[in-house]
Amino acid sequence: LNESSGITYDSIINHKTSYWVIDPFIYRRLYEAFGDVPAEALHPEKIEEFKLDLVKSLSPASVNRHLQLLKAAYNQALRAEKITRNLARSVKLFKENNIRVRYLTEDEERRLVAA
């Protein structure tokens, strides 16, 4: 995540990732953890350590957003031929449990019964 690797905040923002918005706090955490490490020197074991450390304070889904940004940055640098391999590729995402309990409003309940 530094100039020499071709992975920078501006290059990621300018990539126009359409399906999610890049959170500057996620980028900041990644930069604090890996900013001084050349992209080709960042081994999957270090990314796994980062992942396990983050999940102590964030949900698995939030940790996955961090990993997805890192993987996207590596893919972008790979396409731009700034790096020769994507070391983040082997890091697996957490399984997400996005089940949400929701109760019907009185109006929804009436419409459901009437249907």
PDB file of N, CA and C in Angstrom:
ATOM      1  N   LEU A   1       0.822  -1.192   0.000  1.00  0.00           N
ATOM      2  CA  LEU A   1       0.000   0.000   0.000  1.00  0.00           C
ATOM      3  C   LEU A   1       0.866   1.254   0.000  1.00  0.00           C
ATOM      4  N   ASN A   2       1.804   1.295  -0.902  1.00  0.00           N
ATOM      5  CA  ASN A   2       2.640   2.482  -0.987  1.00  0.00           C
ATOM      6  C   ASN A   2       2.953   2.785  -2.447  1.00  0.00           C
ATOM      7  N   GLU A   3       3.544   3.929  -2.673  1.00  0.00           N
ATOM      8  CA  GLU A   3       3.807   4.378  -4.051  1.00  0.00           C
ATOM      9  C   GLU A   3       4.626   3.375  -4.851  1.00  0.00           C
ATOM     10  N   SER A   4       5.658   2.786  -4.231  1.00  0.00           N
ATOM     11  CA  SER A   4       6.528   1.878  -4.976  1.00  0.00           C
ATOM     12  C   SER A   4       5.806   0.631  -5.453  1.00  0.00           C
ATOM     13  N   SER A   5       4.729   0.253  -4.758  1.00  0.00           N
ATOM     14  CA  SER A   5       3.991  -0.939  -5.155  1.00  0.00           C
ATOM     15  C   SER A   5       2.903  -0.631  -6.162  1.00  0.00           C
ATOM     16  N   GLY A   6       2.605   0.647  -6.339  1.00  0.00           N
ATOM     17  CA  GLY A   6       1.519   1.011  -7.230  1.00  0.00           C
ATOM     18  C   GLY A   6       0.157   0.898  -6.574  1.00  0.00           C
ATOM     19  N   ILE A   7       0.125   0.591  -5.285  1.00  0.00           N
ATOM     20  CA  ILE A   7      -1.138   0.470  -4.563  1.00  0.00           C
ATOM     21  C   ILE A   7      -1.259   1.685  -3.649  1.00  0.00           C
ATOM     22  N   THR A   8      -2.088   2.633  -4.046  1.00  0.00           N
ATOM     23  CA  THR A   8      -2.296   3.835  -3.244  1.00  0.00           C
ATOM     24  C   THR A   8      -3.787   4.083  -3.098  1.00  0.00           C
ATOM     25  N   TYR A   9      -4.129   4.902  -2.127  1.00  0.00           N
ATOM     26  CA  TYR A   9      -5.531   5.246  -1.920  1.00  0.00           C
ATOM     27  C   TYR A   9      -6.129   5.854  -3.182  1.00  0.00           C
ATOM     28  N   ASP A  10      -5.420   6.805  -3.779  1.00  0.00           N
ATOM     29  CA  ASP A  10      -5.931   7.461  -4.987  1.00  0.00           C
ATOM     30  C   ASP A  10      -6.133   6.469  -6.127  1.00  0.00           C
ATOM     31  N   SER A  11      -5.195   5.526  -6.283  1.00  0.00           N
ATOM     32  CA  SER A  11      -5.346   4.576  -7.382  1.00  0.00           C
ATOM     33  C   SER A  11      -6.540   3.655  -7.151  1.00  0.00           C
ATOM     34  N   ILE A  12      -6.828   3.350  -5.886  1.00  0.00           N
ATOM     35  CA  ILE A  12      -7.976   2.497  -5.580  1.00  0.00           C
ATOM     36  C   ILE A  12      -9.268   3.277  -5.796  1.00  0.00           C
ATOM     37  N   ILE A  13      -9.318   4.511  -5.301  1.00  0.00           N
ATOM     38  CA  ILE A  13     -10.510   5.348  -5.470  1.00  0.00           C
ATOM     39  C   ILE A  13     -10.800   5.555  -6.949  1.00  0.00           C
ATOM     40  N   ASN A  14      -9.771   5.807  -7.740  1.00  0.00           N
ATOM     41  CA  ASN A  14      -9.948   6.081  -9.164  1.00  0.00           C
ATOM     42  C   ASN A  14     -10.297   4.848  -9.970  1.00  0.00           C
ATOM     43  N   HIS A  15     -10.233   3.676  -9.335  1.00  0.00           N
ATOM     44  CA  HIS A  15     -10.563   2.432 -10.019  1.00  0.00           C
ATOM     45  C   HIS A  15     -12.067   2.318 -10.275  1.00  0.00           C
ATOM     46  N   LYS A  16     -12.862   3.139  -9.575  1.00  0.00           N
ATOM     47  CA  LYS A  16     -14.316   3.171  -9.749  1.00  0.00           C
ATOM     48  C   LYS A  16     -14.965   1.828  -9.425  1.00  0.00           C
ATOM     49  N   THR A  17     -14.716   1.350  -8.222  1.00  0.00           N
ATOM     50  CA  THR A  17     -15.371   0.133  -7.756  1.00  0.00           C
ATOM     51  C   THR A  17     -16.844   0.465  -7.566  1.00  0.00           C
ATOM     52  N   SER A  18     -17.697  -0.116  -8.383  1.00  0.00           N
ATOM     53  CA  SER A  18     -19.085   0.316  -8.427  1.00  0.00           C
ATOM     54  C   SER A  18     -19.973  -0.333  -7.385  1.00  0.00           C
ATOM     55  N   TYR A  19     -19.615  -1.492  -6.867  1.00  0.00           N
ATOM     56  CA  TYR A  19     -20.547  -2.200  -6.001  1.00  0.00           C
ATOM     57  C   TYR A  19     -20.364  -1.899  -4.526  1.00  0.00           C
ATOM     58  N   TRP A  20     -19.394  -1.116  -4.149  1.00  0.00           N
ATOM     59  CA  TRP A  20     -19.253  -0.719  -2.757  1.00  0.00           C
ATOM     60  C   TRP A  20     -18.425   0.549  -2.678  1.00  0.00           C
ATOM     61  N   VAL A  21     -18.626   1.280  -1.639  1.00  0.00           N
ATOM     62  CA  VAL A  21     -17.916   2.536  -1.439  1.00  0.00           C
ATOM     63  C   VAL A  21     -16.691   2.257  -0.575  1.00  0.00           C
ATOM     64  N   ILE A  22     -15.566   2.831  -0.950  1.00  0.00           N
ATOM     65  CA  ILE A  22     -14.342   2.618  -0.194  1.00  0.00           C
ATOM     66  C   ILE A  22     -14.362   3.512   1.042  1.00  0.00           C
ATOM     67  N   ASP A  23     -14.323   2.883   2.187  1.00  0.00           N
ATOM     68  CA  ASP A  23     -14.357   3.565   3.465  1.00  0.00           C
ATOM     69  C   ASP A  23     -12.942   4.031   3.819  1.00  0.00           C
ATOM     70  N   PRO A  24     -12.746   5.330   4.048  1.00  0.00           N
ATOM     71  CA  PRO A  24     -11.397   5.807   4.381  1.00  0.00           C
ATOM     72  C   PRO A  24     -10.853   5.215   5.668  1.00  0.00           C
ATOM     73  N   PHE A  25     -11.729   4.787   6.588  1.00  0.00           N
ATOM     74  CA  PHE A  25     -11.256   4.164   7.822  1.00  0.00           C
ATOM     75  C   PHE A  25     -10.661   2.786   7.540  1.00  0.00           C
ATOM     76  N   ILE A  26     -11.246   2.078   6.593  1.00  0.00           N
ATOM     77  CA  ILE A  26     -10.688   0.780   6.205  1.00  0.00           C
ATOM     78  C   ILE A  26      -9.319   0.988   5.582  1.00  0.00           C
ATOM     79  N   TYR A  27      -9.236   1.941   4.686  1.00  0.00           N
ATOM     80  CA  TYR A  27      -7.945   2.212   4.050  1.00  0.00           C
ATOM     81  C   TYR A  27      -6.909   2.606   5.105  1.00  0.00           C
ATOM     82  N   ARG A  28      -7.311   3.446   6.063  1.00  0.00           N
ATOM     83  CA  ARG A  28      -6.379   3.883   7.101  1.00  0.00           C
ATOM     84  C   ARG A  28      -5.851   2.691   7.909  1.00  0.00           C
ATOM     85  N   ARG A  29      -6.751   1.770   8.286  1.00  0.00           N
ATOM     86  CA  ARG A  29      -6.307   0.590   9.038  1.00  0.00           C
ATOM     87  C   ARG A  29      -5.331  -0.249   8.219  1.00  0.00           C
ATOM     88  N   LEU A  30      -5.631  -0.415   6.941  1.00  0.00           N
ATOM     89  CA  LEU A  30      -4.725  -1.179   6.082  1.00  0.00           C
ATOM     90  C   LEU A  30      -3.383  -0.465   5.959  1.00  0.00           C
ATOM     91  N   TYR A  31      -3.428   0.847   5.805  1.00  0.00           N
ATOM     92  CA  TYR A  31      -2.184   1.609   5.667  1.00  0.00           C
ATOM     93  C   TYR A  31      -1.354   1.532   6.945  1.00  0.00           C
ATOM     94  N   GLU A  32      -2.018   1.642   8.101  1.00  0.00           N
ATOM     95  CA  GLU A  32      -1.294   1.558   9.370  1.00  0.00           C
ATOM     96  C   GLU A  32      -0.646   0.191   9.555  1.00  0.00           C
ATOM     97  N   ALA A  33      -1.308  -0.841   9.080  1.00  0.00           N
ATOM     98  CA  ALA A  33      -0.773  -2.197   9.237  1.00  0.00           C
ATOM     99  C   ALA A  33       0.299  -2.527   8.204  1.00  0.00           C
ATOM    100  N   PHE A  34       0.116  -2.063   6.971  1.00  0.00           N
ATOM    101  CA  PHE A  34       0.977  -2.520   5.879  1.00  0.00           C
ATOM    102  C   PHE A  34       1.614  -1.408   5.052  1.00  0.00           C
ATOM    103  N   GLY A  35       1.407  -0.161   5.412  1.00  0.00           N
ATOM    104  CA  GLY A  35       1.850   0.958   4.590  1.00  0.00           C
ATOM    105  C   GLY A  35       3.327   1.004   4.290  1.00  0.00           C
ATOM    106  N   ASP A  36       4.141   0.491   5.205  1.00  0.00           N
ATOM    107  CA  ASP A  36       5.585   0.538   4.983  1.00  0.00           C
ATOM    108  C   ASP A  36       6.136  -0.745   4.378  1.00  0.00           C
ATOM    109  N   VAL A  37       5.241  -1.671   4.054  1.00  0.00           N
ATOM    110  CA  VAL A  37       5.656  -2.971   3.507  1.00  0.00           C
ATOM    111  C   VAL A  37       5.442  -2.961   1.995  1.00  0.00           C
ATOM    112  N   PRO A  38       6.492  -3.231   1.210  1.00  0.00           N
ATOM    113  CA  PRO A  38       6.288  -3.342  -0.241  1.00  0.00           C
ATOM    114  C   PRO A  38       5.276  -4.440  -0.553  1.00  0.00           C
ATOM    115  N   ALA A  39       4.456  -4.230  -1.552  1.00  0.00           N
ATOM    116  CA  ALA A  39       3.384  -5.169  -1.872  1.00  0.00           C
ATOM    117  C   ALA A  39       3.887  -6.592  -2.082  1.00  0.00           C
ATOM    118  N   GLU A  40       5.027  -6.763  -2.715  1.00  0.00           N
ATOM    119  CA  GLU A  40       5.536  -8.105  -2.993  1.00  0.00           C
ATOM    120  C   GLU A  40       6.161  -8.751  -1.760  1.00  0.00           C
ATOM    121  N   ALA A  41       6.316  -7.985  -0.680  1.00  0.00           N
ATOM    122  CA  ALA A  41       6.905  -8.532   0.540  1.00  0.00           C
ATOM    123  C   ALA A  41       5.859  -8.841   1.607  1.00  0.00           C
ATOM    124  N   LEU A  42       4.610  -8.520   1.325  1.00  0.00           N
ATOM    125  CA  LEU A  42       3.538  -8.754   2.294  1.00  0.00           C
ATOM    126  C   LEU A  42       3.048 -10.189   2.161  1.00  0.00           C
ATOM    127  N   HIS A  43       3.465 -11.035   3.078  1.00  0.00           N
ATOM    128  CA  HIS A  43       3.132 -12.452   2.996  1.00  0.00           C
ATOM    129  C   HIS A  43       1.739 -12.734   3.548  1.00  0.00           C
ATOM    130  N   PRO A  44       1.090 -13.768   3.037  1.00  0.00           N
ATOM    131  CA  PRO A  44      -0.260 -14.113   3.496  1.00  0.00           C
ATOM    132  C   PRO A  44      -0.354 -14.320   5.008  1.00  0.00           C
ATOM    133  N   GLU A  45       0.720 -14.791   5.634  1.00  0.00           N
ATOM    134  CA  GLU A  45       0.704 -15.009   7.083  1.00  0.00           C
ATOM    135  C   GLU A  45       0.483 -13.689   7.832  1.00  0.00           C
ATOM    136  N   LYS A  46       1.084 -12.612   7.338  1.00  0.00           N
ATOM    137  CA  LYS A  46       0.899 -11.301   7.964  1.00  0.00           C
ATOM    138  C   LYS A  46      -0.526 -10.795   7.769  1.00  0.00           C
ATOM    139  N   ILE A  47      -1.088 -11.069   6.604  1.00  0.00           N
ATOM    140  CA  ILE A  47      -2.476 -10.672   6.344  1.00  0.00           C
ATOM    141  C   ILE A  47      -3.407 -11.458   7.255  1.00  0.00           C
ATOM    142  N   GLU A  48      -3.123 -12.745   7.453  1.00  0.00           N
ATOM    143  CA  GLU A  48      -3.924 -13.579   8.368  1.00  0.00           C
ATOM    144  C   GLU A  48      -3.845 -13.043   9.793  1.00  0.00           C
ATOM    145  N   GLU A  49      -2.657 -12.643  10.237  1.00  0.00           N
ATOM    146  CA  GLU A  49      -2.499 -12.059  11.578  1.00  0.00           C
ATOM    147  C   GLU A  49      -3.351 -10.801  11.706  1.00  0.00           C
ATOM    148  N   PHE A  50      -3.308  -9.954  10.683  1.00  0.00           N
ATOM    149  CA  PHE A  50      -4.107  -8.734  10.657  1.00  0.00           C
ATOM    150  C   PHE A  50      -5.590  -9.085  10.744  1.00  0.00           C
ATOM    151  N   LYS A  51      -6.012 -10.051   9.980  1.00  0.00           N
ATOM    152  CA  LYS A  51      -7.405 -10.501   9.949  1.00  0.00           C
ATOM    153  C   LYS A  51      -7.854 -10.968  11.336  1.00  0.00           C
ATOM    154  N   LEU A  52      -7.042 -11.803  11.978  1.00  0.00           N
ATOM    155  CA  LEU A  52      -7.397 -12.341  13.292  1.00  0.00           C
ATOM    156  C   LEU A  52      -7.369 -11.259  14.371  1.00  0.00           C
ATOM    157  N   ASP A  53      -6.515 -10.282  14.212  1.00  0.00           N
ATOM    158  CA  ASP A  53      -6.474  -9.171  15.159  1.00  0.00           C
ATOM    159  C   ASP A  53      -7.718  -8.297  15.006  1.00  0.00           C
ATOM    160  N   LEU A  54      -8.112  -8.019  13.772  1.00  0.00           N
ATOM    161  CA  LEU A  54      -9.296  -7.179  13.529  1.00  0.00           C
ATOM    162  C   LEU A  54     -10.579  -7.815  14.035  1.00  0.00           C
ATOM    163  N   VAL A  55     -10.698  -9.120  13.904  1.00  0.00           N
ATOM    164  CA  VAL A  55     -11.958  -9.779  14.273  1.00  0.00           C
ATOM    165  C   VAL A  55     -12.191  -9.752  15.788  1.00  0.00           C
ATOM    166  N   LYS A  56     -11.185  -9.356  16.543  1.00  0.00           N
ATOM    167  CA  LYS A  56     -11.357  -9.199  17.991  1.00  0.00           C
ATOM    168  C   LYS A  56     -12.232  -7.978  18.300  1.00  0.00           C
ATOM    169  N   SER A  57     -12.226  -7.000  17.400  1.00  0.00           N
ATOM    170  CA  SER A  57     -12.985  -5.779  17.666  1.00  0.00           C
ATOM    171  C   SER A  57     -14.038  -5.456  16.608  1.00  0.00           C
ATOM    172  N   LEU A  58     -14.012  -6.164  15.484  1.00  0.00           N
ATOM    173  CA  LEU A  58     -14.980  -5.915  14.410  1.00  0.00           C
ATOM    174  C   LEU A  58     -15.711  -7.207  14.060  1.00  0.00           C
ATOM    175  N   SER A  59     -16.848  -7.072  13.415  1.00  0.00           N
ATOM    176  CA  SER A  59     -17.586  -8.252  12.971  1.00  0.00           C
ATOM    177  C   SER A  59     -16.854  -8.919  11.810  1.00  0.00           C
ATOM    178  N   PRO A  60     -17.106 -10.209  11.598  1.00  0.00           N
ATOM    179  CA  PRO A  60     -16.499 -10.871  10.443  1.00  0.00           C
ATOM    180  C   PRO A  60     -16.805 -10.167   9.125  1.00  0.00           C
ATOM    181  N   ALA A  61     -18.003  -9.639   8.980  1.00  0.00           N
ATOM    182  CA  ALA A  61     -18.361  -8.935   7.742  1.00  0.00           C
ATOM    183  C   ALA A  61     -17.497  -7.681   7.567  1.00  0.00           C
ATOM    184  N   SER A  62     -17.247  -6.954   8.640  1.00  0.00           N
ATOM    185  CA  SER A  62     -16.402  -5.760   8.562  1.00  0.00           C
ATOM    186  C   SER A  62     -14.961  -6.125   8.234  1.00  0.00           C
ATOM    187  N   VAL A  63     -14.474  -7.197   8.814  1.00  0.00           N
ATOM    188  CA  VAL A  63     -13.118  -7.658   8.506  1.00  0.00           C
ATOM    189  C   VAL A  63     -13.032  -8.037   7.029  1.00  0.00           C
ATOM    190  N   ASN A  64     -14.073  -8.686   6.537  1.00  0.00           N
ATOM    191  CA  ASN A  64     -14.097  -9.057   5.114  1.00  0.00           C
ATOM    192  C   ASN A  64     -14.018  -7.840   4.206  1.00  0.00           C
ATOM    193  N   ARG A  65     -14.645  -6.713   4.590  1.00  0.00           N
ATOM    194  CA  ARG A  65     -14.556  -5.506   3.768  1.00  0.00           C
ATOM    195  C   ARG A  65     -13.104  -5.032   3.698  1.00  0.00           C
ATOM    196  N   HIS A  66     -12.366  -5.151   4.786  1.00  0.00           N
ATOM    197  CA  HIS A  66     -10.941  -4.793   4.787  1.00  0.00           C
ATOM    198  C   HIS A  66     -10.177  -5.695   3.817  1.00  0.00           C
ATOM    199  N   LEU A  67     -10.432  -6.981   3.922  1.00  0.00           N
ATOM    200  CA  LEU A  67      -9.718  -7.939   3.068  1.00  0.00           C
ATOM    201  C   LEU A  67     -10.089  -7.748   1.602  1.00  0.00           C
ATOM    202  N   GLN A  68     -11.346  -7.443   1.341  1.00  0.00           N
ATOM    203  CA  GLN A  68     -11.764  -7.228  -0.046  1.00  0.00           C
ATOM    204  C   GLN A  68     -11.087  -6.005  -0.648  1.00  0.00           C
ATOM    205  N   LEU A  69     -10.922  -4.957   0.148  1.00  0.00           N
ATOM    206  CA  LEU A  69     -10.216  -3.781  -0.359  1.00  0.00           C
ATOM    207  C   LEU A  69      -8.757  -4.122  -0.641  1.00  0.00           C
ATOM    208  N   LEU A  70      -8.127  -4.853   0.263  1.00  0.00           N
ATOM    209  CA  LEU A  70      -6.729  -5.250   0.060  1.00  0.00           C
ATOM    210  C   LEU A  70      -6.593  -6.113  -1.192  1.00  0.00           C
ATOM    211  N   LYS A  71      -7.497  -7.077  -1.348  1.00  0.00           N
ATOM    212  CA  LYS A  71      -7.454  -7.943  -2.532  1.00  0.00           C
ATOM    213  C   LYS A  71      -7.696  -7.148  -3.813  1.00  0.00           C
ATOM    214  N   ALA A  72      -8.628  -6.192  -3.758  1.00  0.00           N
ATOM    215  CA  ALA A  72      -8.900  -5.351  -4.933  1.00  0.00           C
ATOM    216  C   ALA A  72      -7.675  -4.517  -5.284  1.00  0.00           C
ATOM    217  N   ALA A  73      -7.009  -3.999  -4.280  1.00  0.00           N
ATOM    218  CA  ALA A  73      -5.802  -3.200  -4.520  1.00  0.00           C
ATOM    219  C   ALA A  73      -4.725  -4.060  -5.171  1.00  0.00           C
ATOM    220  N   TYR A  74      -4.544  -5.269  -4.680  1.00  0.00           N
ATOM    221  CA  TYR A  74      -3.555  -6.171  -5.284  1.00  0.00           C
ATOM    222  C   TYR A  74      -3.937  -6.505  -6.725  1.00  0.00           C
ATOM    223  N   ASN A  75      -5.201  -6.784  -6.967  1.00  0.00           N
ATOM    224  CA  ASN A  75      -5.640  -7.102  -8.329  1.00  0.00           C
ATOM    225  C   ASN A  75      -5.409  -5.934  -9.273  1.00  0.00           C
ATOM    226  N   GLN A  76      -5.671  -4.729  -8.791  1.00  0.00           N
ATOM    227  CA  GLN A  76      -5.467  -3.545  -9.614  1.00  0.00           C
ATOM    228  C   GLN A  76      -3.984  -3.358  -9.923  1.00  0.00           C
ATOM    229  N   ALA A  77      -3.130  -3.526  -8.918  1.00  0.00           N
ATOM    230  CA  ALA A  77      -1.684  -3.388  -9.137  1.00  0.00           C
ATOM    231  C   ALA A  77      -1.170  -4.474 -10.076  1.00  0.00           C
ATOM    232  N   LEU A  78      -1.743  -5.658  -9.989  1.00  0.00           N
ATOM    233  CA  LEU A  78      -1.358  -6.761 -10.874  1.00  0.00           C
ATOM    234  C   LEU A  78      -1.734  -6.440 -12.325  1.00  0.00           C
ATOM    235  N   ARG A  79      -2.946  -5.935 -12.532  1.00  0.00           N
ATOM    236  CA  ARG A  79      -3.381  -5.556 -13.880  1.00  0.00           C
ATOM    237  C   ARG A  79      -2.525  -4.432 -14.455  1.00  0.00           C
ATOM    238  N   ALA A  80      -2.080  -3.530 -13.587  1.00  0.00           N
ATOM    239  CA  ALA A  80      -1.241  -2.414 -14.034  1.00  0.00           C
ATOM    240  C   ALA A  80       0.226  -2.819 -14.139  1.00  0.00           C
ATOM    241  N   GLU A  81       0.504  -4.082 -13.889  1.00  0.00           N
ATOM    242  CA  GLU A  81       1.855  -4.641 -13.960  1.00  0.00           C
ATOM    243  C   GLU A  81       2.829  -3.953 -13.007  1.00  0.00           C
ATOM    244  N   LYS A  82       2.322  -3.522 -11.853  1.00  0.00           N
ATOM    245  CA  LYS A  82       3.164  -2.940 -10.807  1.00  0.00           C
ATOM    246  C   LYS A  82       3.738  -4.041  -9.912  1.00  0.00           C
ATOM    247  N   ILE A  83       3.027  -5.175  -9.855  1.00  0.00           N
ATOM    248  CA  ILE A  83       3.484  -6.333  -9.097  1.00  0.00           C
ATOM    249  C   ILE A  83       3.348  -7.561  -9.992  1.00  0.00           C
ATOM    250  N   THR A  84       3.999  -8.660  -9.610  1.00  0.00           N
ATOM    251  CA  THR A  84       3.959  -9.865 -10.445  1.00  0.00           C
ATOM    252  C   THR A  84       3.061 -10.953  -9.891  1.00  0.00           C
ATOM    253  N   ARG A  85       2.626 -10.812  -8.633  1.00  0.00           N
ATOM    254  CA  ARG A  85       1.737 -11.824  -8.050  1.00  0.00           C
ATOM    255  C   ARG A  85       0.881 -11.209  -6.955  1.00  0.00           C
ATOM    256  N   ASN A  86      -0.274 -11.803  -6.745  1.00  0.00           N
ATOM    257  CA  ASN A  86      -1.226 -11.326  -5.752  1.00  0.00           C
ATOM    258  C   ASN A  86      -1.106 -12.199  -4.506  1.00  0.00           C
ATOM    259  N   LEU A  87      -0.370 -11.713  -3.516  1.00  0.00           N
ATOM    260  CA  LEU A  87      -0.159 -12.484  -2.291  1.00  0.00           C
ATOM    261  C   LEU A  87      -1.388 -12.499  -1.388  1.00  0.00           C
ATOM    262  N   ALA A  88      -2.328 -11.599  -1.605  1.00  0.00           N
ATOM    263  CA  ALA A  88      -3.542 -11.558  -0.793  1.00  0.00           C
ATOM    264  C   ALA A  88      -4.561 -12.598  -1.259  1.00  0.00           C
ATOM    265  N   ARG A  89      -4.343 -13.148  -2.422  1.00  0.00           N
ATOM    266  CA  ARG A  89      -5.318 -14.064  -3.015  1.00  0.00           C
ATOM    267  C   ARG A  89      -5.593 -15.302  -2.152  1.00  0.00           C
ATOM    268  N   SER A  90      -4.568 -15.808  -1.478  1.00  0.00           N
ATOM    269  CA  SER A  90      -4.734 -17.046  -0.716  1.00  0.00           C
ATOM    270  C   SER A  90      -5.412 -16.841   0.638  1.00  0.00           C
ATOM    271  N   VAL A  91      -5.608 -15.603   1.048  1.00  0.00           N
ATOM    272  CA  VAL A  91      -6.251 -15.328   2.336  1.00  0.00           C
ATOM    273  C   VAL A  91      -7.763 -15.473   2.162  1.00  0.00           C
ATOM    274  N   LYS A  92      -8.342 -16.335   2.972  1.00  0.00           N
ATOM    275  CA  LYS A  92      -9.779 -16.609   2.872  1.00  0.00           C
ATOM    276  C   LYS A  92     -10.582 -15.611   3.692  1.00  0.00           C
ATOM    277  N   LEU A  93     -11.746 -15.271   3.190  1.00  0.00           N
ATOM    278  CA  LEU A  93     -12.663 -14.396   3.916  1.00  0.00           C
ATOM    279  C   LEU A  93     -13.391 -15.197   4.988  1.00  0.00           C
ATOM    280  N   PHE A  94     -13.886 -14.500   6.003  1.00  0.00           N
ATOM    281  CA  PHE A  94     -14.720 -15.135   7.014  1.00  0.00           C
ATOM    282  C   PHE A  94     -16.083 -15.449   6.426  1.00  0.00           C
ATOM    283  N   LYS A  95     -16.691 -16.485   6.944  1.00  0.00           N
ATOM    284  CA  LYS A  95     -18.081 -16.762   6.589  1.00  0.00           C
ATOM    285  C   LYS A  95     -18.930 -15.733   7.324  1.00  0.00           C
ATOM    286  N   GLU A  96     -19.834 -15.107   6.594  1.00  0.00           N
ATOM    287  CA  GLU A  96     -20.652 -14.046   7.179  1.00  0.00           C
ATOM    288  C   GLU A  96     -22.026 -14.570   7.551  1.00  0.00           C
ATOM    289  N   ASN A  97     -22.477 -14.131   8.723  1.00  0.00           N
ATOM    290  CA  ASN A  97     -23.816 -14.462   9.174  1.00  0.00           C
ATOM    291  C   ASN A  97     -24.610 -13.163   9.170  1.00  0.00           C
ATOM    292  N   ASN A  98     -25.289 -12.915   8.076  1.00  0.00           N
ATOM    293  CA  ASN A  98     -26.033 -11.670   7.936  1.00  0.00           C
ATOM    294  C   ASN A  98     -27.516 -11.848   8.215  1.00  0.00           C
ATOM    295  N   ILE A  99     -27.854 -12.872   8.973  1.00  0.00           N
ATOM    296  CA  ILE A  99     -29.255 -13.101   9.309  1.00  0.00           C
ATOM    297  C   ILE A  99     -29.713 -12.003  10.261  1.00  0.00           C
ATOM    298  N   ARG A 100     -30.892 -11.490   9.988  1.00  0.00           N
ATOM    299  CA  ARG A 100     -31.419 -10.394  10.769  1.00  0.00           C
ATOM    300  C   ARG A 100     -32.832 -10.745  11.201  1.00  0.00           C
ATOM    301  N   VAL A 101     -33.125 -10.587  12.472  1.00  0.00           N
ATOM    302  CA  VAL A 101     -34.481 -10.813  12.967  1.00  0.00           C
ATOM    303  C   VAL A 101     -35.260  -9.523  12.767  1.00  0.00           C
ATOM    304  N   ARG A 102     -36.401  -9.661  12.133  1.00  0.00           N
ATOM    305  CA  ARG A 102     -37.223  -8.486  11.866  1.00  0.00           C
ATOM    306  C   ARG A 102     -38.663  -8.834  12.178  1.00  0.00           C
ATOM    307  N   TYR A 103     -39.339  -7.920  12.812  1.00  0.00           N
ATOM    308  CA  TYR A 103     -40.739  -8.124  13.162  1.00  0.00           C
ATOM    309  C   TYR A 103     -41.621  -7.284  12.249  1.00  0.00           C
ATOM    310  N   LEU A 104     -42.785  -7.832  11.940  1.00  0.00           N
ATOM    311  CA  LEU A 104     -43.735  -7.094  11.105  1.00  0.00           C
ATOM    312  C   LEU A 104     -44.344  -5.945  11.894  1.00  0.00           C
ATOM    313  N   THR A 105     -44.602  -4.871  11.187  1.00  0.00           N
ATOM    314  CA  THR A 105     -45.355  -3.777  11.801  1.00  0.00           C
ATOM    315  C   THR A 105     -46.819  -4.210  11.829  1.00  0.00           C
ATOM    316  N   GLU A 106     -47.634  -3.496  12.558  1.00  0.00           N
ATOM    317  CA  GLU A 106     -49.057  -3.846  12.613  1.00  0.00           C
ATOM    318  C   GLU A 106     -49.685  -3.776  11.224  1.00  0.00           C
ATOM    319  N   ASP A 107     -49.309  -2.767  10.461  1.00  0.00           N
ATOM    320  CA  ASP A 107     -49.840  -2.611   9.107  1.00  0.00           C
ATOM    321  C   ASP A 107     -49.414  -3.791   8.231  1.00  0.00           C
ATOM    322  N   GLU A 108     -48.166  -4.196   8.308  1.00  0.00           N
ATOM    323  CA  GLU A 108     -47.683  -5.336   7.517  1.00  0.00           C
ATOM    324  C   GLU A 108     -48.399  -6.618   7.930  1.00  0.00           C
ATOM    325  N   GLU A 109     -48.628  -6.763   9.227  1.00  0.00           N
ATOM    326  CA  GLU A 109     -49.334  -7.955   9.716  1.00  0.00           C
ATOM    327  C   GLU A 109     -50.764  -7.996   9.177  1.00  0.00           C
ATOM    328  N   ARG A 110     -51.449  -6.857   9.195  1.00  0.00           N
ATOM    329  CA  ARG A 110     -52.820  -6.796   8.653  1.00  0.00           C
ATOM    330  C   ARG A 110     -52.850  -7.145   7.175  1.00  0.00           C
ATOM    331  N   ARG A 111     -51.908  -6.586   6.414  1.00  0.00           N
ATOM    332  CA  ARG A 111     -51.866  -6.867   4.972  1.00  0.00           C
ATOM    333  C   ARG A 111     -51.533  -8.332   4.706  1.00  0.00           C
ATOM    334  N   LEU A 112     -50.692  -8.917   5.508  1.00  0.00           N
ATOM    335  CA  LEU A 112     -50.339 -10.324   5.344  1.00  0.00           C
ATOM    336  C   LEU A 112     -51.536 -11.227   5.619  1.00  0.00           C
ATOM    337  N   VAL A 113     -52.255 -10.949   6.674  1.00  0.00           N
ATOM    338  CA  VAL A 113     -53.424 -11.750   7.030  1.00  0.00           C
ATOM    339  C   VAL A 113     -54.523 -11.576   5.987  1.00  0.00           C
ATOM    340  N   ALA A 114     -54.640 -10.380   5.445  1.00  0.00           N
ATOM    341  CA  ALA A 114     -55.677 -10.098   4.452  1.00  0.00           C
ATOM    342  C   ALA A 114     -55.349 -10.755   3.090  1.00  0.00           C
ATOM    343  N   ALA A 115     -54.116 -11.064   2.862  1.00  0.00           N
ATOM    344  CA  ALA A 115     -53.705 -11.607   1.546  1.00  0.00           C
ATOM    345  C   ALA A 115     -54.119 -13.020   1.333  1.00  0.00           C
TER     346      ALA A 115
END
